[in-house]
Full PDB file with SEQRES, HELIX, SHEET, SSBOND, CRYST1, ORIGX, SCALE, CONECT and MASTER records, all heavy atoms in Angstrom:
SEQRES   1 A   37  GLY ASP SER LEU ARG LEU SER CYS ALA ALA SER GLY ARG          
SEQRES   2 A   37  THR PHE SER ASN TYR ALA GLY GLY TRP PHE ARG GLN ALA          
SEQRES   3 A   37  PRO GLY LYS GLU ARG GLU PHE VAL ALA ALA ILE                  
HELIX    1 AA1 PHE A   15  ASN A   17  5                                   3    
SHEET    1 AA1 2 GLY A  21  ARG A  24  0                                        
SHEET    2 AA1 2 GLU A  32  ALA A  36 -1                                        
CRYST1    1.000    1.000    1.000  90.00  90.00  90.00 P 1           1          
ORIGX1      1.000000  0.000000  0.000000        0.00000                         
ORIGX2      0.000000  1.000000  0.000000        0.00000                         
ORIGX3      0.000000  0.000000  1.000000        0.00000                         
SCALE1      1.000000  0.000000  0.000000        0.00000                         
SCALE2      0.000000  1.000000  0.000000        0.00000                         
SCALE3      0.000000  0.000000  1.000000        0.00000                         
ATOM      1  N   GLY A   1     114.446 132.131 164.116  1.00  0.00           N  
ATOM      2  CA  GLY A   1     115.798 131.802 163.931  1.00  0.00           C  
ATOM      3  C   GLY A   1     116.102 130.512 163.073  1.00  0.00           C  
ATOM      4  O   GLY A   1     117.316 130.339 162.682  1.00  0.00           O  
ATOM      5  N   ASP A   2     115.175 129.706 162.809  1.00  0.00           N  
ATOM      6  CA  ASP A   2     115.303 128.514 162.081  1.00  0.00           C  
ATOM      7  C   ASP A   2     115.354 128.854 160.521  1.00  0.00           C  
ATOM      8  O   ASP A   2     115.189 130.085 160.108  1.00  0.00           O  
ATOM      9  CB  ASP A   2     114.194 127.516 162.268  1.00  0.00           C  
ATOM     10  CG  ASP A   2     114.223 126.892 163.691  1.00  0.00           C  
ATOM     11  OD1 ASP A   2     115.358 126.963 164.273  1.00  0.00           O  
ATOM     12  OD2 ASP A   2     113.321 126.147 164.040  1.00  0.00           O  
ATOM     13  N   SER A   3     115.646 127.766 159.760  1.00  0.00           N  
ATOM     14  CA  SER A   3     115.767 127.992 158.296  1.00  0.00           C  
ATOM     15  C   SER A   3     114.758 127.115 157.518  1.00  0.00           C  
ATOM     16  O   SER A   3     114.309 126.083 158.159  1.00  0.00           O  
ATOM     17  CB  SER A   3     117.172 127.615 157.716  1.00  0.00           C  
ATOM     18  OG  SER A   3     118.142 128.540 158.247  1.00  0.00           O  
ATOM     19  N   LEU A   4     114.385 127.513 156.375  1.00  0.00           N  
ATOM     20  CA  LEU A   4     113.376 126.714 155.607  1.00  0.00           C  
ATOM     21  C   LEU A   4     113.753 127.059 154.125  1.00  0.00           C  
ATOM     22  O   LEU A   4     114.050 128.074 153.812  1.00  0.00           O  
ATOM     23  CB  LEU A   4     112.048 127.118 156.018  1.00  0.00           C  
ATOM     24  CG  LEU A   4     110.852 126.112 155.722  1.00  0.00           C  
ATOM     25  CD1 LEU A   4     111.044 124.852 156.432  1.00  0.00           C  
ATOM     26  CD2 LEU A   4     109.575 126.801 156.092  1.00  0.00           C  
ATOM     27  N   ARG A   5     113.571 125.982 153.300  1.00  0.00           N  
ATOM     28  CA  ARG A   5     113.744 126.120 151.881  1.00  0.00           C  
ATOM     29  C   ARG A   5     112.355 125.874 151.210  1.00  0.00           C  
ATOM     30  O   ARG A   5     111.778 124.677 151.316  1.00  0.00           O  
ATOM     31  CB  ARG A   5     114.788 125.289 151.269  1.00  0.00           C  
ATOM     32  CG  ARG A   5     115.116 125.553 149.777  1.00  0.00           C  
ATOM     33  CD  ARG A   5     116.300 124.831 149.297  1.00  0.00           C  
ATOM     34  NE  ARG A   5     115.898 123.512 148.857  1.00  0.00           N  
ATOM     35  CZ  ARG A   5     116.580 122.633 148.216  1.00  0.00           C  
ATOM     36  NH1 ARG A   5     117.692 123.129 147.623  1.00  0.00           N  
ATOM     37  NH2 ARG A   5     116.237 121.408 147.974  1.00  0.00           N  
ATOM     38  N   LEU A   6     111.835 126.740 150.377  1.00  0.00           N  
ATOM     39  CA  LEU A   6     110.649 126.589 149.568  1.00  0.00           C  
ATOM     40  C   LEU A   6     111.095 126.200 148.199  1.00  0.00           C  
ATOM     41  O   LEU A   6     112.129 126.732 147.674  1.00  0.00           O  
ATOM     42  CB  LEU A   6     109.843 127.857 149.517  1.00  0.00           C  
ATOM     43  CG  LEU A   6     109.466 128.383 150.904  1.00  0.00           C  
ATOM     44  CD1 LEU A   6     108.485 129.682 150.697  1.00  0.00           C  
ATOM     45  CD2 LEU A   6     108.699 127.310 151.758  1.00  0.00           C  
ATOM     46  N   SER A   7     110.220 125.404 147.427  1.00  0.00           N  
ATOM     47  CA  SER A   7     110.476 124.993 146.120  1.00  0.00           C  
ATOM     48  C   SER A   7     109.231 125.345 145.230  1.00  0.00           C  
ATOM     49  O   SER A   7     108.075 125.313 145.762  1.00  0.00           O  
ATOM     50  CB  SER A   7     110.726 123.569 146.032  1.00  0.00           C  
ATOM     51  OG  SER A   7     111.851 123.199 146.725  1.00  0.00           O  
ATOM     52  N   CYS A   8     109.557 125.683 144.019  1.00  0.00           N  
ATOM     53  CA  CYS A   8     108.489 126.007 143.046  1.00  0.00           C  
ATOM     54  C   CYS A   8     108.814 125.201 141.835  1.00  0.00           C  
ATOM     55  O   CYS A   8     109.686 125.482 141.102  1.00  0.00           O  
ATOM     56  CB  CYS A   8     108.366 127.548 142.741  1.00  0.00           C  
ATOM     57  SG  CYS A   8     107.243 127.898 141.494  1.00  0.00           S  
ATOM     58  N   ALA A   9     107.870 124.111 141.583  1.00  0.00           N  
ATOM     59  CA  ALA A   9     108.211 123.212 140.506  1.00  0.00           C  
ATOM     60  C   ALA A   9     107.249 123.620 139.330  1.00  0.00           C  
ATOM     61  O   ALA A   9     105.998 123.799 139.548  1.00  0.00           O  
ATOM     62  CB  ALA A   9     107.864 121.812 140.844  1.00  0.00           C  
ATOM     63  N   ALA A  10     107.840 123.737 138.168  1.00  0.00           N  
ATOM     64  CA  ALA A  10     107.040 124.161 136.960  1.00  0.00           C  
ATOM     65  C   ALA A  10     106.772 122.986 136.032  1.00  0.00           C  
ATOM     66  O   ALA A  10     107.575 122.021 136.040  1.00  0.00           O  
ATOM     67  CB  ALA A  10     107.849 125.193 136.124  1.00  0.00           C  
ATOM     68  N   SER A  11     105.667 122.992 135.384  1.00  0.00           N  
ATOM     69  CA  SER A  11     105.308 121.990 134.432  1.00  0.00           C  
ATOM     70  C   SER A  11     104.554 122.596 133.232  1.00  0.00           C  
ATOM     71  O   SER A  11     104.112 123.830 133.390  1.00  0.00           O  
ATOM     72  CB  SER A  11     104.493 120.854 135.065  1.00  0.00           C  
ATOM     73  OG  SER A  11     103.207 121.365 135.529  1.00  0.00           O  
ATOM     74  N   GLY A  12     104.345 121.980 132.169  1.00  0.00           N  
ATOM     75  CA  GLY A  12     103.752 122.504 131.001  1.00  0.00           C  
ATOM     76  C   GLY A  12     104.719 123.222 129.985  1.00  0.00           C  
ATOM     77  O   GLY A  12     104.621 123.110 128.846  1.00  0.00           O  
ATOM     78  N   ARG A  13     105.523 124.032 130.668  1.00  0.00           N  
ATOM     79  CA  ARG A  13     106.635 124.782 129.913  1.00  0.00           C  
ATOM     80  C   ARG A  13     107.882 124.813 130.762  1.00  0.00           C  
ATOM     81  O   ARG A  13     107.819 124.577 131.975  1.00  0.00           O  
ATOM     82  CB  ARG A  13     106.207 126.208 129.610  1.00  0.00           C  
ATOM     83  CG  ARG A  13     105.013 126.399 128.829  1.00  0.00           C  
ATOM     84  CD  ARG A  13     105.138 125.970 127.342  1.00  0.00           C  
ATOM     85  NE  ARG A  13     104.039 126.184 126.496  1.00  0.00           N  
ATOM     86  CZ  ARG A  13     103.791 127.376 125.865  1.00  0.00           C  
ATOM     87  NH1 ARG A  13     104.626 128.322 125.810  1.00  0.00           N  
ATOM     88  NH2 ARG A  13     102.672 127.347 125.058  1.00  0.00           N  
ATOM     89  N   THR A  14     108.945 124.934 130.076  1.00  0.00           N  
ATOM     90  CA  THR A  14     110.259 125.026 130.795  1.00  0.00           C  
ATOM     91  C   THR A  14     110.363 126.265 131.589  1.00  0.00           C  
ATOM     92  O   THR A  14     110.107 127.413 131.084  1.00  0.00           O  
ATOM     93  CB  THR A  14     111.411 124.805 129.839  1.00  0.00           C  
ATOM     94  OG1 THR A  14     111.446 125.823 128.861  1.00  0.00           O  
ATOM     95  CG2 THR A  14     111.423 123.526 129.216  1.00  0.00           C  
ATOM     96  N   PHE A  15     110.740 126.228 132.839  1.00  0.00           N  
ATOM     97  CA  PHE A  15     110.889 127.443 133.691  1.00  0.00           C  
ATOM     98  C   PHE A  15     111.872 128.433 133.196  1.00  0.00           C  
ATOM     99  O   PHE A  15     111.833 129.560 133.446  1.00  0.00           O  
ATOM    100  CB  PHE A  15     111.183 127.008 135.155  1.00  0.00           C  
ATOM    101  CG  PHE A  15     110.546 127.823 136.203  1.00  0.00           C  
ATOM    102  CD1 PHE A  15     110.212 127.275 137.427  1.00  0.00           C  
ATOM    103  CD2 PHE A  15     110.134 129.169 135.961  1.00  0.00           C  
ATOM    104  CE1 PHE A  15     109.601 128.089 138.382  1.00  0.00           C  
ATOM    105  CE2 PHE A  15     109.529 129.941 136.930  1.00  0.00           C  
ATOM    106  CZ  PHE A  15     109.270 129.326 138.176  1.00  0.00           C  
ATOM    107  N   SER A  16     112.933 127.912 132.396  1.00  0.00           N  
ATOM    108  CA  SER A  16     113.825 128.817 131.932  1.00  0.00           C  
ATOM    109  C   SER A  16     113.457 129.821 131.005  1.00  0.00           C  
ATOM    110  O   SER A  16     114.137 130.840 130.637  1.00  0.00           O  
ATOM    111  CB  SER A  16     115.083 127.994 131.313  1.00  0.00           C  
ATOM    112  OG  SER A  16     114.622 127.266 130.165  1.00  0.00           O  
ATOM    113  N   ASN A  17     112.276 129.693 130.444  1.00  0.00           N  
ATOM    114  CA  ASN A  17     111.577 130.651 129.577  1.00  0.00           C  
ATOM    115  C   ASN A  17     111.034 131.860 130.317  1.00  0.00           C  
ATOM    116  O   ASN A  17     110.588 132.829 129.747  1.00  0.00           O  
ATOM    117  CB  ASN A  17     110.533 129.970 128.788  1.00  0.00           C  
ATOM    118  CG  ASN A  17     110.966 129.059 127.748  1.00  0.00           C  
ATOM    119  OD1 ASN A  17     112.058 129.210 127.222  1.00  0.00           O  
ATOM    120  ND2 ASN A  17     110.231 127.991 127.414  1.00  0.00           N  
ATOM    121  N   TYR A  18     111.028 131.784 131.718  1.00  0.00           N  
ATOM    122  CA  TYR A  18     110.434 132.796 132.497  1.00  0.00           C  
ATOM    123  C   TYR A  18     111.366 133.263 133.638  1.00  0.00           C  
ATOM    124  O   TYR A  18     112.149 132.500 134.142  1.00  0.00           O  
ATOM    125  CB  TYR A  18     109.172 132.221 133.065  1.00  0.00           C  
ATOM    126  CG  TYR A  18     108.177 131.677 132.206  1.00  0.00           C  
ATOM    127  CD1 TYR A  18     108.191 130.232 131.840  1.00  0.00           C  
ATOM    128  CD2 TYR A  18     107.194 132.375 131.664  1.00  0.00           C  
ATOM    129  CE1 TYR A  18     107.293 129.713 130.989  1.00  0.00           C  
ATOM    130  CE2 TYR A  18     106.282 131.877 130.764  1.00  0.00           C  
ATOM    131  CZ  TYR A  18     106.362 130.560 130.421  1.00  0.00           C  
ATOM    132  OH  TYR A  18     105.380 129.994 129.523  1.00  0.00           O  
ATOM    133  N   ALA A  19     111.191 134.491 133.913  1.00  0.00           N  
ATOM    134  CA  ALA A  19     111.714 134.996 135.287  1.00  0.00           C  
ATOM    135  C   ALA A  19     110.893 134.373 136.396  1.00  0.00           C  
ATOM    136  O   ALA A  19     109.722 134.092 136.175  1.00  0.00           O  
ATOM    137  CB  ALA A  19     111.815 136.505 135.341  1.00  0.00           C  
ATOM    138  N   GLY A  20     111.549 134.214 137.568  1.00  0.00           N  
ATOM    139  CA  GLY A  20     110.814 133.601 138.621  1.00  0.00           C  
ATOM    140  C   GLY A  20     110.775 134.580 139.857  1.00  0.00           C  
ATOM    141  O   GLY A  20     111.716 135.347 140.045  1.00  0.00           O  
ATOM    142  N   GLY A  21     109.669 134.417 140.680  1.00  0.00           N  
ATOM    143  CA  GLY A  21     109.592 135.369 141.734  1.00  0.00           C  
ATOM    144  C   GLY A  21     108.722 134.672 142.932  1.00  0.00           C  
ATOM    145  O   GLY A  21     108.158 133.703 142.721  1.00  0.00           O  
ATOM    146  N   TRP A  22     108.936 135.318 144.054  1.00  0.00           N  
ATOM    147  CA  TRP A  22     108.192 134.866 145.189  1.00  0.00           C  
ATOM    148  C   TRP A  22     107.502 136.055 145.836  1.00  0.00           C  
ATOM    149  O   TRP A  22     108.074 137.143 146.059  1.00  0.00           O  
ATOM    150  CB  TRP A  22     109.138 134.287 146.354  1.00  0.00           C  
ATOM    151  CG  TRP A  22     109.669 132.931 145.922  1.00  0.00           C  
ATOM    152  CD1 TRP A  22     110.845 132.593 145.328  1.00  0.00           C  
ATOM    153  CD2 TRP A  22     109.052 131.639 146.193  1.00  0.00           C  
ATOM    154  NE1 TRP A  22     110.931 131.217 145.211  1.00  0.00           N  
ATOM    155  CE2 TRP A  22     109.919 130.596 145.690  1.00  0.00           C  
ATOM    156  CE3 TRP A  22     107.759 131.359 146.843  1.00  0.00           C  
ATOM    157  CZ2 TRP A  22     109.518 129.324 145.824  1.00  0.00           C  
ATOM    158  CZ3 TRP A  22     107.393 129.946 146.884  1.00  0.00           C  
ATOM    159  CH2 TRP A  22     108.343 128.896 146.364  1.00  0.00           C  
ATOM    160  N   PHE A  23     106.291 135.872 146.236  1.00  0.00           N  
ATOM    161  CA  PHE A  23     105.426 136.804 147.000  1.00  0.00           C  
ATOM    162  C   PHE A  23     104.878 136.160 148.314  1.00  0.00           C  
ATOM    163  O   PHE A  23     104.883 134.893 148.317  1.00  0.00           O  
ATOM    164  CB  PHE A  23     104.338 137.404 146.153  1.00  0.00           C  
ATOM    165  CG  PHE A  23     104.727 138.248 144.999  1.00  0.00           C  
ATOM    166  CD1 PHE A  23     105.360 137.588 143.834  1.00  0.00           C  
ATOM    167  CD2 PHE A  23     104.545 139.564 145.016  1.00  0.00           C  
ATOM    168  CE1 PHE A  23     105.658 138.429 142.786  1.00  0.00           C  
ATOM    169  CE2 PHE A  23     104.840 140.364 143.898  1.00  0.00           C  
ATOM    170  CZ  PHE A  23     105.529 139.779 142.760  1.00  0.00           C  
ATOM    171  N   ARG A  24     104.475 137.008 149.174  1.00  0.00           N  
ATOM    172  CA  ARG A  24     103.799 136.465 150.344  1.00  0.00           C  
ATOM    173  C   ARG A  24     102.680 137.314 150.841  1.00  0.00           C  
ATOM    174  O   ARG A  24     102.590 138.531 150.623  1.00  0.00           O  
ATOM    175  CB  ARG A  24     104.792 136.328 151.528  1.00  0.00           C  
ATOM    176  CG  ARG A  24     105.328 137.608 152.020  1.00  0.00           C  
ATOM    177  CD  ARG A  24     106.439 137.377 153.099  1.00  0.00           C  
ATOM    178  NE  ARG A  24     107.092 138.611 153.671  1.00  0.00           N  
ATOM    179  CZ  ARG A  24     107.986 138.698 154.454  1.00  0.00           C  
ATOM    180  NH1 ARG A  24     108.670 137.441 154.853  1.00  0.00           N  
ATOM    181  NH2 ARG A  24     108.336 139.802 154.994  1.00  0.00           N  
ATOM    182  N   GLN A  25     101.746 136.750 151.516  1.00  0.00           N  
ATOM    183  CA  GLN A  25     100.594 137.416 152.032  1.00  0.00           C  
ATOM    184  C   GLN A  25     100.225 137.000 153.426  1.00  0.00           C  
ATOM    185  O   GLN A  25      99.959 135.763 153.652  1.00  0.00           O  
ATOM    186  CB  GLN A  25      99.375 137.266 151.035  1.00  0.00           C  
ATOM    187  CG  GLN A  25      98.178 138.009 151.439  1.00  0.00           C  
ATOM    188  CD  GLN A  25      97.159 138.044 150.340  1.00  0.00           C  
ATOM    189  OE1 GLN A  25      96.965 137.139 149.695  1.00  0.00           O  
ATOM    190  NE2 GLN A  25      96.200 139.093 150.389  1.00  0.00           N  
ATOM    191  N   ALA A  26     100.300 137.858 154.436  1.00  0.00           N  
ATOM    192  CA  ALA A  26      99.962 137.559 155.806  1.00  0.00           C  
ATOM    193  C   ALA A  26      98.556 137.887 155.948  1.00  0.00           C  
ATOM    194  O   ALA A  26      97.908 138.669 155.243  1.00  0.00           O  
ATOM    195  CB  ALA A  26     100.814 138.365 156.712  1.00  0.00           C  
ATOM    196  N   PRO A  27      97.832 137.264 157.019  1.00  0.00           N  
ATOM    197  CA  PRO A  27      96.489 137.557 157.220  1.00  0.00           C  
ATOM    198  C   PRO A  27      96.184 138.985 157.505  1.00  0.00           C  
ATOM    199  O   PRO A  27      96.795 139.700 158.188  1.00  0.00           O  
ATOM    200  CB  PRO A  27      96.091 136.751 158.494  1.00  0.00           C  
ATOM    201  CG  PRO A  27      97.077 135.626 158.559  1.00  0.00           C  
ATOM    202  CD  PRO A  27      98.461 136.236 157.933  1.00  0.00           C  
ATOM    203  N   GLY A  28      95.108 139.511 156.718  1.00  0.00           N  
ATOM    204  CA  GLY A  28      94.717 140.928 156.855  1.00  0.00           C  
ATOM    205  C   GLY A  28      95.686 141.925 156.198  1.00  0.00           C  
ATOM    206  O   GLY A  28      95.466 143.078 156.281  1.00  0.00           O  
ATOM    207  N   LYS A  29      96.625 141.392 155.497  1.00  0.00           N  
ATOM    208  CA  LYS A  29      97.562 142.239 154.806  1.00  0.00           C  
ATOM    209  C   LYS A  29      97.559 141.998 153.264  1.00  0.00           C  
ATOM    210  O   LYS A  29      97.153 140.940 152.732  1.00  0.00           O  
ATOM    211  CB  LYS A  29      98.915 142.126 155.236  1.00  0.00           C  
ATOM    212  CG  LYS A  29      99.183 142.528 156.748  1.00  0.00           C  
ATOM    213  CD  LYS A  29     100.592 142.468 157.235  1.00  0.00           C  
ATOM    214  CE  LYS A  29     100.813 142.917 158.627  1.00  0.00           C  
ATOM    215  NZ  LYS A  29     102.241 142.773 159.080  1.00  0.00           N  
ATOM    216  N   GLU A  30      98.014 143.081 152.554  1.00  0.00           N  
ATOM    217  CA  GLU A  30      98.190 142.899 151.033  1.00  0.00           C  
ATOM    218  C   GLU A  30      99.360 141.900 150.714  1.00  0.00           C  
ATOM    219  O   GLU A  30     100.321 141.840 151.441  1.00  0.00           O  
ATOM    220  CB  GLU A  30      98.382 144.260 150.399  1.00  0.00           C  
ATOM    221  CG  GLU A  30      97.325 145.287 150.678  1.00  0.00           C  
ATOM    222  CD  GLU A  30      96.036 145.029 149.911  1.00  0.00           C  
ATOM    223  OE1 GLU A  30      96.257 144.367 148.866  1.00  0.00           O  
ATOM    224  OE2 GLU A  30      94.978 145.370 150.293  1.00  0.00           O  
ATOM    225  N   ARG A  31      99.172 141.411 149.566  1.00  0.00           N  
ATOM    226  CA  ARG A  31     100.271 140.560 148.986  1.00  0.00           C  
ATOM    227  C   ARG A  31     101.520 141.374 148.710  1.00  0.00           C  
ATOM    228  O   ARG A  31     101.359 142.375 148.104  1.00  0.00           O  
ATOM    229  CB  ARG A  31      99.853 139.757 147.756  1.00  0.00           C  
ATOM    230  CG  ARG A  31     100.936 138.801 147.207  1.00  0.00           C  
ATOM    231  CD  ARG A  31     100.384 138.062 145.995  1.00  0.00           C  
ATOM    232  NE  ARG A  31      99.166 137.245 146.393  1.00  0.00           N  
ATOM    233  CZ  ARG A  31      98.710 136.283 145.604  1.00  0.00           C  
ATOM    234  NH1 ARG A  31      99.183 136.199 144.358  1.00  0.00           N  
ATOM    235  NH2 ARG A  31      97.655 135.643 146.073  1.00  0.00           N  
ATOM    236  N   GLU A  32     102.746 141.006 149.191  1.00  0.00           N  
ATOM    237  CA  GLU A  32     103.978 141.715 148.920  1.00  0.00           C  
ATOM    238  C   GLU A  32     105.038 141.047 148.279  1.00  0.00           C  
ATOM    239  O   GLU A  32     105.116 139.730 148.480  1.00  0.00           O  
ATOM    240  CB  GLU A  32     104.424 142.299 150.302  1.00  0.00           C  
ATOM    241  CG  GLU A  32     104.857 141.142 151.252  1.00  0.00           C  
ATOM    242  CD  GLU A  32     105.494 141.806 152.560  1.00  0.00           C  
ATOM    243  OE1 GLU A  32     105.800 143.040 152.633  1.00  0.00           O  
ATOM    244  OE2 GLU A  32     105.653 140.915 153.472  1.00  0.00           O  
ATOM    245  N   PHE A  33     105.813 141.659 147.612  1.00  0.00           N  
ATOM    246  CA  PHE A  33     106.922 141.115 146.838  1.00  0.00           C  
ATOM    247  C   PHE A  33     108.028 140.672 147.836  1.00  0.00           C  
ATOM    248  O   PHE A  33     108.264 141.390 148.785  1.00  0.00           O  
ATOM    249  CB  PHE A  33     107.509 142.138 145.966  1.00  0.00           C  
ATOM    250  CG  PHE A  33     108.763 141.768 145.260  1.00  0.00           C  
ATOM    251  CD1 PHE A  33     108.868 140.889 144.170  1.00  0.00           C  
ATOM    252  CD2 PHE A  33     110.017 142.275 145.795  1.00  0.00           C  
ATOM    253  CE1 PHE A  33     110.037 140.554 143.555  1.00  0.00           C  
ATOM    254  CE2 PHE A  33     111.180 141.926 145.113  1.00  0.00           C  
ATOM    255  CZ  PHE A  33     111.251 140.977 144.074  1.00  0.00           C  
ATOM    256  N   VAL A  34     108.670 139.563 147.501  1.00  0.00           N  
ATOM    257  CA  VAL A  34     109.679 139.054 148.320  1.00  0.00           C  
ATOM    258  C   VAL A  34     111.081 139.011 147.646  1.00  0.00           C  
ATOM    259  O   VAL A  34     112.110 139.526 148.169  1.00  0.00           O  
ATOM    260  CB  VAL A  34     109.378 137.613 148.914  1.00  0.00           C  
ATOM    261  CG1 VAL A  34     110.537 137.070 149.707  1.00  0.00           C  
ATOM    262  CG2 VAL A  34     108.086 137.597 149.763  1.00  0.00           C  
ATOM    263  N   ALA A  35     111.128 138.307 146.495  1.00  0.00           N  
ATOM    264  CA  ALA A  35     112.307 138.117 145.701  1.00  0.00           C  
ATOM    265  C   ALA A  35     112.024 137.740 144.351  1.00  0.00           C  
ATOM    266  O   ALA A  35     110.986 137.231 144.022  1.00  0.00           O  
ATOM    267  CB  ALA A  35     113.212 137.093 146.400  1.00  0.00           C  
ATOM    268  N   ALA A  36     113.021 138.021 143.450  1.00  0.00           N  
ATOM    269  CA  ALA A  36     112.805 137.582 142.010  1.00  0.00           C  
ATOM    270  C   ALA A  36     114.161 137.305 141.481  1.00  0.00           C  
ATOM    271  O   ALA A  36     115.168 137.697 141.876  1.00  0.00           O  
ATOM    272  CB  ALA A  36     112.020 138.648 141.222  1.00  0.00           C  
ATOM    273  N   ILE A  37     114.209 136.429 140.381  1.00  0.00           N  
ATOM    274  CA  ILE A  37     115.425 136.061 139.631  1.00  0.00           C  
ATOM    275  C   ILE A  37     115.132 136.086 138.203  1.00  0.00           C  
ATOM    276  O   ILE A  37     114.162 135.640 137.697  1.00  0.00           O  
ATOM    277  CB  ILE A  37     115.901 134.728 140.201  1.00  0.00           C  
ATOM    278  CG1 ILE A  37     117.336 134.408 139.629  1.00  0.00           C  
ATOM    279  CG2 ILE A  37     114.949 133.683 139.951  1.00  0.00           C  
ATOM    280  CD1 ILE A  37     118.012 133.160 140.335  1.00  0.00           C  
TER     281      ILE A  37                                                      
MASTER        0    0    0    1    2    0    0    6  280    1    0    3          
END                                                                             
């Protein structure tokens, strides 16, 4: 029921040159897509 905010900081190149996405992987499971922008 709680909330949390994750951050992804980019370096080397500007992040605006790329689409961004989040994936997650639980123990014993395949990596799965979460969200993209």
